[in-house]
Amino acid sequence: MICPVHNSKLTVAQTKVLRVLEQAADAGRPCPTNMEICDRVGIDDVTPMIRALARKGHIMIESGHMWRIVTLVASGRELVSTSAAKRGRR
């Protein structure tokens, strides 16, 4: 997959993480936790992949203590964590 902003390729792991986020948005589910993404992708730490996706322009992240909202740039869809929804963030 080519990055829309920087015209750089995503790694296989970054692509898998992005797909998990897209599938959650498609299903109308809340933003998956890092642990849930790790389980789905089969890796130990997704933090570097999530940061790379943001840096490369595929996602935008708004976060605070124990909550986050991930926006998928290509579609504009938002994934709101359960804790963010409870706090009235979206």
C-alpha atoms as a PDB file:
ATOM      1  CA  MET A   1       0.000   0.000   0.000  1.00  0.00           C
ATOM      2  CA  ILE A   2       1.328   3.469  -0.882  1.00  0.00           C
ATOM      3  CA  CYS A   3       1.029   6.301   1.621  1.00  0.00           C
ATOM      4  CA  PRO A   4      -1.220   9.076   0.269  1.00  0.00           C
ATOM      5  CA  VAL A   5       0.822  11.831   1.927  1.00  0.00           C
ATOM      6  CA  HIS A   6       4.469  10.789   1.709  1.00  0.00           C
ATOM      7  CA  ASN A   7       4.231   8.372  -1.233  1.00  0.00           C
ATOM      8  CA  SER A   8       6.023   5.741   0.859  1.00  0.00           C
ATOM      9  CA  LYS A   9       5.176   2.079   1.167  1.00  0.00           C
ATOM     10  CA  LEU A  10       3.797   0.517   4.311  1.00  0.00           C
ATOM     11  CA  THR A  11       5.423  -2.531   5.807  1.00  0.00           C
ATOM     12  CA  VAL A  12       3.451  -5.766   5.976  1.00  0.00           C
ATOM     13  CA  ALA A  13       2.874  -5.241   9.713  1.00  0.00           C
ATOM     14  CA  GLN A  14       1.713  -1.636   9.210  1.00  0.00           C
ATOM     15  CA  THR A  15      -0.710  -2.790   6.526  1.00  0.00           C
ATOM     16  CA  LYS A  16      -2.110  -5.470   8.841  1.00  0.00           C
ATOM     17  CA  VAL A  17      -2.642  -2.936  11.646  1.00  0.00           C
ATOM     18  CA  LEU A  18      -4.364  -0.541   9.258  1.00  0.00           C
ATOM     19  CA  ARG A  19      -6.643  -3.360   8.067  1.00  0.00           C
ATOM     20  CA  VAL A  20      -7.627  -4.180  11.669  1.00  0.00           C
ATOM     21  CA  LEU A  21      -8.572  -0.533  12.208  1.00  0.00           C
ATOM     22  CA  GLU A  22     -10.518  -0.414   8.932  1.00  0.00           C
ATOM     23  CA  GLN A  23     -12.374  -3.636   9.798  1.00  0.00           C
ATOM     24  CA  ALA A  24     -13.352  -2.240  13.204  1.00  0.00           C
ATOM     25  CA  ALA A  25     -14.662   0.922  11.530  1.00  0.00           C
ATOM     26  CA  ASP A  26     -16.550  -1.106   8.909  1.00  0.00           C
ATOM     27  CA  ALA A  27     -18.219  -3.118  11.678  1.00  0.00           C
ATOM     28  CA  GLY A  28     -19.052  -0.030  13.745  1.00  0.00           C
ATOM     29  CA  ARG A  29     -16.965  -1.268  16.664  1.00  0.00           C
ATOM     30  CA  PRO A  30     -15.053   0.932  19.107  1.00  0.00           C
ATOM     31  CA  CYS A  31     -11.365   1.568  18.586  1.00  0.00           C
ATOM     32  CA  PRO A  32      -9.497  -1.643  19.374  1.00  0.00           C
ATOM     33  CA  THR A  33      -6.924  -1.560  22.139  1.00  0.00           C
ATOM     34  CA  ASN A  34      -3.272  -2.168  21.372  1.00  0.00           C
ATOM     35  CA  MET A  35      -3.598  -5.597  22.965  1.00  0.00           C
ATOM     36  CA  GLU A  36      -6.562  -6.462  20.731  1.00  0.00           C
ATOM     37  CA  ILE A  37      -4.620  -5.339  17.655  1.00  0.00           C
ATOM     38  CA  CYS A  38      -1.605  -7.385  18.782  1.00  0.00           C
ATOM     39  CA  ASP A  39      -3.794 -10.466  19.112  1.00  0.00           C
ATOM     40  CA  ARG A  40      -5.306  -9.962  15.647  1.00  0.00           C
ATOM     41  CA  VAL A  41      -2.014  -9.209  13.902  1.00  0.00           C
ATOM     42  CA  GLY A  42       0.122 -11.684  15.817  1.00  0.00           C
ATOM     43  CA  ILE A  43       2.822  -9.337  17.075  1.00  0.00           C
ATOM     44  CA  ASP A  44       3.948  -8.248  20.541  1.00  0.00           C
ATOM     45  CA  ASP A  45       3.863  -4.449  20.187  1.00  0.00           C
ATOM     46  CA  VAL A  46       1.815  -2.380  17.747  1.00  0.00           C
ATOM     47  CA  THR A  47       2.827   1.021  19.092  1.00  0.00           C
ATOM     48  CA  PRO A  48       5.574   1.533  16.466  1.00  0.00           C
ATOM     49  CA  MET A  49       3.156   0.552  13.686  1.00  0.00           C
ATOM     50  CA  ILE A  50       0.451   2.918  14.933  1.00  0.00           C
ATOM     51  CA  ARG A  51       2.956   5.773  15.182  1.00  0.00           C
ATOM     52  CA  ALA A  52       4.255   5.016  11.672  1.00  0.00           C
ATOM     53  CA  LEU A  53       0.703   5.004  10.266  1.00  0.00           C
ATOM     54  CA  ALA A  54       0.144   8.435  11.821  1.00  0.00           C
ATOM     55  CA  ARG A  55       3.508   9.752  10.632  1.00  0.00           C
ATOM     56  CA  LYS A  56       2.819   8.497   7.096  1.00  0.00           C
ATOM     57  CA  GLY A  57      -0.607  10.156   7.027  1.00  0.00           C
ATOM     58  CA  HIS A  58      -2.901   7.110   7.078  1.00  0.00           C
ATOM     59  CA  ILE A  59      -4.398   7.820  10.497  1.00  0.00           C
ATOM     60  CA  MET A  60      -4.727  10.718  12.914  1.00  0.00           C
ATOM     61  CA  ILE A  61      -4.710  10.046  16.641  1.00  0.00           C
ATOM     62  CA  GLU A  62      -6.275  12.094  19.393  1.00  0.00           C
ATOM     63  CA  SER A  63      -5.522  10.660  22.803  1.00  0.00           C
ATOM     64  CA  GLY A  64      -5.445  11.268  26.504  1.00  0.00           C
ATOM     65  CA  HIS A  65      -5.016   9.230  29.631  1.00  0.00           C
ATOM     66  CA  MET A  66      -6.578   5.804  28.876  1.00  0.00           C
ATOM     67  CA  TRP A  67      -8.538   6.874  25.767  1.00  0.00           C
ATOM     68  CA  ARG A  68      -7.993   7.505  22.068  1.00  0.00           C
ATOM     69  CA  ILE A  69      -9.808   8.409  18.890  1.00  0.00           C
ATOM     70  CA  VAL A  70      -8.287   7.202  15.624  1.00  0.00           C
ATOM     71  CA  THR A  71      -9.390   8.815  12.378  1.00  0.00           C
ATOM     72  CA  LEU A  72      -8.816   6.870   9.167  1.00  0.00           C
ATOM     73  CA  VAL A  73      -7.641   9.616   6.823  1.00  0.00           C
ATOM     74  CA  ALA A  74      -8.718   7.970   3.557  1.00  0.00           C
ATOM     75  CA  SER A  75     -12.358   7.662   4.634  1.00  0.00           C
ATOM     76  CA  GLY A  76     -12.651  10.157   7.480  1.00  0.00           C
ATOM     77  CA  ARG A  77     -14.167   7.458   9.695  1.00  0.00           C
ATOM     78  CA  GLU A  78     -13.472   7.675  13.410  1.00  0.00           C
ATOM     79  CA  LEU A  79     -12.784   4.852  15.829  1.00  0.00           C
ATOM     80  CA  VAL A  80     -13.594   5.982  19.356  1.00  0.00           C
ATOM     81  CA  SER A  81     -12.307   3.950  22.292  1.00  0.00           C
ATOM     82  CA  THR A  82     -14.899   2.813  24.797  1.00  0.00           C
ATOM     83  CA  SER A  83     -13.305   4.943  27.495  1.00  0.00           C
ATOM     84  CA  ALA A  84     -13.344   8.037  25.249  1.00  0.00           C
ATOM     85  CA  ALA A  85     -17.050   7.521  24.572  1.00  0.00           C
ATOM     86  CA  LYS A  86     -17.697   7.257  28.313  1.00  0.00           C
ATOM     87  CA  ARG A  87     -15.894  10.562  28.792  1.00  0.00           C
ATOM     88  CA  GLY A  88     -18.040  12.210  26.120  1.00  0.00           C
ATOM     89  CA  ARG A  89     -15.180  12.771  23.681  1.00  0.00           C
ATOM     90  CA  ARG A  90     -17.422  11.819  20.717  1.00  0.00           C
END
